[in-house]
């Protein structure tokens, strides 16, 4: 099982980005997928998560009102739409999933927001 994240990049304050994370391999049970982030010198923090059905979403304080998580079950992909980005959003964003009864992590994608 692998989680492949993409969509990071360098943007300016106020811009938007959409991150994608696709699960591949023997993913016979996907319960929940989401995102964490880790800024340089800081602990990893929860950003957002969504159940496989899409019926429940969860957001960290930093994401509420600006980020939207969604899922495409057929593609085993979760998306994170990030709007109104600020330099405080600069971090490596890691995809996380509860798959086959255990947690998995992707390698992360860098998001850099310039002022």
Protein backbone atom coordinates (compact mmCIF):
# COMPACT_ATOMS: atom_id res chain seq x y z
CA UNK A 1 0.00 0.00 0.00
CA UNK A 2 1.30 3.43 -0.93
CA UNK A 3 0.03 6.97 -0.55
CA UNK A 4 1.23 9.32 -3.26
CA UNK A 5 0.82 13.03 -2.60
CA UNK A 6 1.12 15.78 -5.17
CA UNK A 7 0.15 19.38 -5.82
CA UNK A 8 2.54 21.27 -3.61
CA UNK A 9 4.50 24.24 -4.81
CA UNK A 10 5.50 27.85 -4.31
CA UNK A 11 2.69 30.39 -4.20
CA UNK A 12 2.09 33.90 -2.93
CA UNK A 13 0.02 35.06 0.00
CA UNK A 14 -3.66 34.84 -0.84
CA UNK A 15 -3.22 32.19 -3.52
CA UNK A 16 -4.79 28.75 -3.61
CA UNK A 17 -3.45 25.25 -4.06
CA UNK A 18 -5.03 21.85 -4.34
CA UNK A 19 -3.23 18.85 -2.97
CA UNK A 20 -4.03 15.31 -4.05
CA UNK A 21 -3.28 12.01 -2.41
CA UNK A 22 -3.91 8.69 -4.10
CA UNK A 23 -3.85 5.31 -2.44
CA UNK A 24 -2.49 2.42 -4.45
CA UNK A 25 -1.79 -1.23 -3.88
CA UNK A 26 -3.96 -3.69 -2.01
CA UNK A 27 -6.31 -1.19 -0.42
CA UNK A 28 -9.27 -3.40 0.38
CA UNK A 29 -10.48 -1.25 3.25
CA UNK A 30 -10.21 2.53 3.35
CA UNK A 31 -11.70 4.03 6.46
CA UNK A 32 -10.34 7.54 6.52
CA UNK A 33 -7.77 9.67 4.71
CA UNK A 34 -6.43 13.08 5.45
CA UNK A 35 -3.57 15.49 5.79
CA UNK A 36 -1.06 16.56 8.38
CA UNK A 37 1.62 19.19 7.99
CA UNK A 38 4.95 19.94 9.55
CA UNK A 39 6.65 23.29 9.40
CA UNK A 40 10.38 23.60 9.89
CA UNK A 41 11.20 23.29 13.57
CA UNK A 42 7.64 22.51 14.59
CA UNK A 43 5.69 19.40 15.44
CA UNK A 44 3.47 17.71 12.92
CA UNK A 45 -0.08 19.00 13.16
CA UNK A 46 -3.42 17.72 11.96
CA UNK A 47 -4.93 19.59 9.02
CA UNK A 48 -8.00 17.72 7.80
CA UNK A 49 -9.49 14.26 7.32
CA UNK A 50 -12.45 12.67 5.60
CA UNK A 51 -14.12 9.31 5.90
CA UNK A 52 -14.16 7.10 2.84
CA UNK A 53 -17.83 7.73 2.28
CA UNK A 54 -17.25 11.45 2.42
CA UNK A 55 -19.99 11.76 5.00
CA UNK A 56 -17.74 13.11 7.73
CA UNK A 57 -14.99 15.69 7.57
CA UNK A 58 -12.67 16.93 10.26
CA UNK A 59 -10.52 20.04 10.31
CA UNK A 60 -7.74 21.38 12.45
CA UNK A 61 -8.03 24.93 13.71
CA UNK A 62 -5.61 26.22 11.09
CA UNK A 63 -7.71 24.81 8.26
CA UNK A 64 -11.20 25.78 9.30
CA UNK A 65 -12.83 28.23 6.94
CA UNK A 66 -10.00 28.14 4.39
CA UNK A 67 -9.36 24.52 3.47
CA UNK A 68 -11.78 21.97 2.11
CA UNK A 69 -11.16 18.24 2.00
CA UNK A 70 -12.97 15.97 -0.44
CA UNK A 71 -12.68 12.46 -1.78
CA UNK A 72 -13.14 10.54 -5.00
CA UNK A 73 -13.71 6.95 -3.96
CA UNK A 74 -13.42 5.53 -7.45
CA UNK A 75 -9.94 7.01 -7.75
CA UNK A 76 -9.00 6.29 -4.11
CA UNK A 77 -7.97 9.91 -3.98
CA UNK A 78 -8.43 12.61 -1.41
CA UNK A 79 -8.06 16.29 -2.21
CA UNK A 80 -7.23 19.28 -0.06
CA UNK A 81 -8.30 22.60 -1.50
CA UNK A 82 -6.38 25.35 0.25
CA UNK A 83 -7.48 28.94 -0.16
CA UNK A 84 -6.25 32.26 1.22
CA UNK A 85 -2.82 30.83 1.90
CA UNK A 86 -0.44 32.69 4.18
CA UNK A 87 3.25 32.20 4.98
CA UNK A 88 2.12 30.40 8.15
CA UNK A 89 0.83 27.61 5.90
CA UNK A 90 4.36 26.89 4.68
CA UNK A 91 5.12 23.30 5.56
CA UNK A 92 5.54 19.80 4.26
CA UNK A 93 2.08 18.32 3.88
CA UNK A 94 1.75 14.62 4.55
CA UNK A 95 -1.05 12.41 3.41
CA UNK A 96 -2.31 9.99 6.03
CA UNK A 97 -4.73 7.13 5.70
CA UNK A 98 -6.40 4.50 7.84
CA UNK A 99 -6.19 1.64 5.36
CA UNK A 100 -6.66 -2.05 5.90
CA UNK A 101 -6.91 -1.49 9.63
CA UNK A 102 -3.67 0.43 10.11
CA UNK A 103 -2.27 3.92 9.46
CA UNK A 104 -0.16 4.74 6.43
CA UNK A 105 1.82 7.85 5.57
CA UNK A 106 2.81 9.33 2.25
CA UNK A 107 6.14 11.04 1.65
CA UNK A 108 4.85 14.56 1.79
CA UNK A 109 4.69 17.49 -0.56
CA UNK A 110 6.20 20.90 0.10
CA UNK A 111 3.98 23.95 0.20
CA UNK A 112 5.72 27.30 0.38
CA UNK A 113 3.82 30.55 0.64
CA UNK A 114 5.76 33.73 0.06
CA UNK A 115 4.77 37.07 1.54
